[in-house]
Protein backbone atom coordinates (compact mmCIF):
# COMPACT_ATOMS: atom_id res chain seq x y z
CA MET A 1 122.53 90.25 85.76
CA ALA A 2 124.74 91.60 82.99
CA ASP A 3 121.68 92.26 80.80
CA VAL A 4 119.90 94.05 83.63
CA SER A 5 122.95 96.19 84.29
CA LYS A 6 123.05 97.19 80.61
CA VAL A 7 119.35 98.13 80.54
CA LEU A 8 119.68 100.16 83.74
CA SER A 9 123.12 101.57 82.81
CA LEU A 10 124.50 100.36 86.13
CA VAL A 11 127.45 98.22 87.12
CA VAL A 12 126.51 94.64 87.99
CA THR A 13 127.36 95.18 91.65
CA ARG A 14 124.72 97.95 91.81
CA VAL A 15 122.13 95.52 90.39
CA HIS A 16 123.09 93.07 93.14
CA GLN A 17 122.57 95.89 95.66
CA LEU A 18 119.08 96.54 94.23
CA LEU A 19 118.32 92.86 94.84
CA ARG A 20 119.67 92.99 98.40
CA ASP A 21 117.66 96.17 99.07
CA HIS A 22 114.52 94.43 97.74
CA GLN A 23 114.08 97.03 95.00
CA LEU A 24 114.05 94.08 92.60
CA ILE A 25 113.65 90.35 93.01
CA ALA A 26 115.09 87.61 90.87
CA VAL A 27 114.03 84.13 89.93
CA ARG A 28 116.55 81.29 89.83
CA ARG A 29 116.56 78.93 86.88
CA ASP A 30 119.18 76.21 86.75
CA GLY A 31 121.04 78.06 89.50
CA ILE A 32 121.23 81.33 87.58
CA ALA A 33 119.47 84.41 88.99
CA ALA A 34 117.46 86.45 86.51
CA VAL A 35 115.30 89.53 86.94
CA PRO A 36 112.03 89.31 85.00
CA GLU A 37 112.06 91.73 82.08
CA LEU A 38 108.59 92.95 83.07
CA PHE A 39 110.17 94.57 86.15
CA LEU A 40 112.06 96.96 83.90
CA ASP A 41 110.98 99.99 81.89
CA LEU A 42 113.00 99.32 78.75
CA ASP A 43 112.11 102.70 77.20
CA GLU A 44 113.36 104.61 80.23
CA GLY A 45 116.22 102.28 81.16
CA ALA A 46 114.95 102.08 84.73
CA VAL A 47 113.20 99.83 87.19
CA LEU A 48 109.48 99.98 86.37
CA LYS A 49 107.70 102.57 88.48
CA GLY A 50 105.79 100.88 91.27
CA VAL A 51 107.76 97.62 91.32
CA PRO A 52 109.92 98.45 94.36
CA GLY A 53 106.87 99.61 96.31
CA LEU A 54 104.87 96.55 95.29
CA ILE A 55 107.69 94.24 96.40
CA ALA A 56 107.98 96.14 99.70
CA VAL A 57 104.24 95.94 100.43
CA LEU A 58 104.08 92.21 99.80
CA ALA A 59 107.36 91.47 101.62
CA ASP A 60 106.23 93.51 104.63
CA GLY A 61 103.02 91.47 104.55
CA GLY A 62 105.03 88.29 105.01
CA TYR A 63 105.27 87.10 101.41
CA THR A 64 108.50 85.44 100.29
CA ASP A 65 110.18 86.34 97.02
CA GLU A 66 108.86 83.11 95.51
CA GLU A 67 105.30 83.90 96.61
CA ILE A 68 105.58 87.45 95.24
CA LEU A 69 106.79 86.16 91.88
CA ARG A 70 104.07 83.49 91.79
CA TRP A 71 101.34 86.08 92.46
CA LEU A 72 102.72 88.56 89.91
CA PHE A 73 102.92 85.95 87.15
CA THR A 74 99.66 84.07 87.79
CA GLU A 75 96.71 84.88 85.53
CA ASP A 76 93.94 86.85 87.23
CA GLU A 77 90.73 86.93 85.20
CA SER A 78 89.47 89.95 87.12
CA LEU A 79 92.34 92.17 85.91
CA PRO A 80 92.39 90.54 83.16
CA GLY A 81 95.80 88.98 82.77
CA ARG A 82 98.76 88.77 85.08
CA PRO A 83 99.51 91.47 87.67
CA ALA A 84 103.05 91.79 86.24
CA ASP A 85 101.60 92.70 82.84
CA ALA A 86 99.06 95.07 84.38
CA MET A 87 101.91 97.04 85.99
CA HIS A 88 102.73 98.35 82.50
CA GLY A 89 99.32 99.90 81.94
CA ASP A 90 96.35 101.65 83.43
CA LEU A 91 95.81 98.88 85.98
CA ALA A 92 99.06 99.46 87.91
CA ARG A 93 97.22 101.23 90.74
CA GLU A 94 94.73 98.38 90.94
CA VAL A 95 97.59 95.88 91.25
CA MET A 96 99.08 97.93 94.09
CA ARG A 97 95.68 98.19 95.80
CA ARG A 98 95.24 94.43 95.62
CA ALA A 99 98.76 93.84 96.96
CA GLN A 100 98.02 96.15 99.90
CA ALA A 101 94.79 94.29 100.63
CA MET A 102 96.55 90.91 100.46
CA ALA A 103 99.40 91.99 102.72
CA PHE A 104 97.17 93.06 105.61
């Protein structure tokens, strides 16, 4: 979380609040929570545009954090690539459209 707080120029407690508010989600590895780097816009020092909305759509559709992460980081030949990677390019709207269709 310290690295995320540095990238976002926020105190660590604010990063924890973003997680509680479902603006971000984290994956646990060996008991340590980590936010995937692909959820951040490193050039802007911000949460990647569209990520909070994408998380909200899928969570409102009944997906757990684990299921959201699995979907975002699973290869999809029709994109091509992973939805998490596509969020950084021209296919971000397509990823959101697919998430909306999956959630309902």
